Amino acid sequence: MRTLGYVLAAAGLLICAATFGMWVWLNAYGGGTGCNDFRLRWEDSEALSYFIPPFILGCAVAVLGAATIAMNWKR
């Protein structure tokens, strides 16, 4: 069961990292200016509406994995 916890924690971290990476990619190359005017546009609520749900899902899966590991920790 602890192996499942490790898999869930790793999957959650991977989802979070991929979501953040896509957010950076969108900001760097999605504006059409390349890297000349690169900054993370947190005020862009239209784009954030697509990136926040998978990030929250990744956090939830990682927490579930950590909880599974903690509950099955052998003393």
Protein backbone atom coordinates (compact mmCIF):
# COMPACT_ATOMS: atom_id res chain seq x y z
CA MET A 1 0.00 0.00 0.00
CA ARG A 2 2.93 2.29 0.65
CA THR A 3 4.05 1.79 -2.94
CA LEU A 4 0.70 3.16 -4.08
CA GLY A 5 1.36 6.21 -1.89
CA TYR A 6 4.72 6.78 -3.57
CA VAL A 7 3.13 6.42 -7.01
CA LEU A 8 0.34 8.86 -6.11
CA ALA A 9 2.76 11.38 -4.62
CA ALA A 10 5.01 11.20 -7.69
CA ALA A 11 2.04 11.47 -10.05
CA GLY A 12 0.72 14.50 -8.17
CA LEU A 13 4.09 16.23 -8.30
CA LEU A 14 4.38 15.41 -12.01
CA ILE A 15 0.94 16.90 -12.70
CA CYS A 16 1.86 20.06 -10.78
CA ALA A 17 5.21 20.38 -12.55
CA ALA A 18 3.68 19.80 -15.99
CA THR A 19 0.93 22.33 -15.31
CA PHE A 20 3.42 24.95 -14.15
CA GLY A 21 5.67 24.18 -17.13
CA MET A 22 2.81 24.66 -19.56
CA TRP A 23 1.90 27.94 -17.81
CA VAL A 24 5.47 29.19 -18.27
CA TRP A 25 5.49 28.00 -21.90
CA LEU A 26 2.22 29.80 -22.60
CA ASN A 27 3.56 33.04 -21.14
CA ALA A 28 6.91 32.77 -22.90
CA TYR A 29 5.71 31.83 -26.37
CA GLY A 30 1.95 32.35 -26.41
CA GLY A 31 2.11 36.13 -26.53
CA GLY A 32 3.81 36.23 -29.91
CA THR A 33 6.77 38.24 -28.59
CA GLY A 34 8.99 35.31 -27.73
CA CYS A 35 11.13 35.81 -24.66
CA ASN A 36 11.47 39.58 -25.10
CA ASP A 37 8.63 40.42 -22.70
CA PHE A 38 8.59 37.30 -20.55
CA ARG A 39 6.75 37.48 -17.24
CA LEU A 40 4.17 35.30 -15.55
CA ARG A 41 0.83 37.02 -16.02
CA TRP A 42 -1.06 36.04 -12.89
CA GLU A 43 -3.76 38.61 -13.66
CA ASP A 44 -4.80 36.74 -16.82
CA SER A 45 -7.91 35.10 -15.40
CA GLU A 46 -8.93 33.59 -18.74
CA ALA A 47 -5.79 31.48 -19.02
CA LEU A 48 -5.63 30.76 -15.31
CA SER A 49 -9.08 29.19 -15.46
CA TYR A 50 -7.49 26.38 -17.51
CA PHE A 51 -4.38 25.98 -15.38
CA ILE A 52 -5.70 26.18 -11.82
CA PRO A 53 -7.90 23.01 -11.86
CA PRO A 54 -5.11 20.60 -12.96
CA PHE A 55 -2.73 22.24 -10.49
CA ILE A 56 -5.22 21.75 -7.65
CA LEU A 57 -5.80 18.16 -8.83
CA GLY A 58 -2.04 17.52 -8.77
CA CYS A 59 -1.79 18.96 -5.25
CA ALA A 60 -4.69 16.80 -4.08
CA VAL A 61 -3.17 13.64 -5.58
CA ALA A 62 0.21 14.43 -4.00
CA VAL A 63 -1.41 15.01 -0.59
CA LEU A 64 -3.38 11.78 -0.95
CA GLY A 65 -0.16 9.94 -1.73
CA ALA A 66 1.61 11.49 1.26
CA ALA A 67 -1.32 10.58 3.50
CA THR A 68 -1.26 7.00 2.20
CA ILE A 69 2.45 6.77 2.95
CA ALA A 70 2.00 8.24 6.44
CA MET A 71 -0.92 5.95 7.31
CA ASN A 72 1.01 2.83 6.29
CA TRP A 73 4.32 3.77 7.84
CA LYS A 74 5.77 0.83 9.76
CA ARG A 75 7.02 1.80 13.18
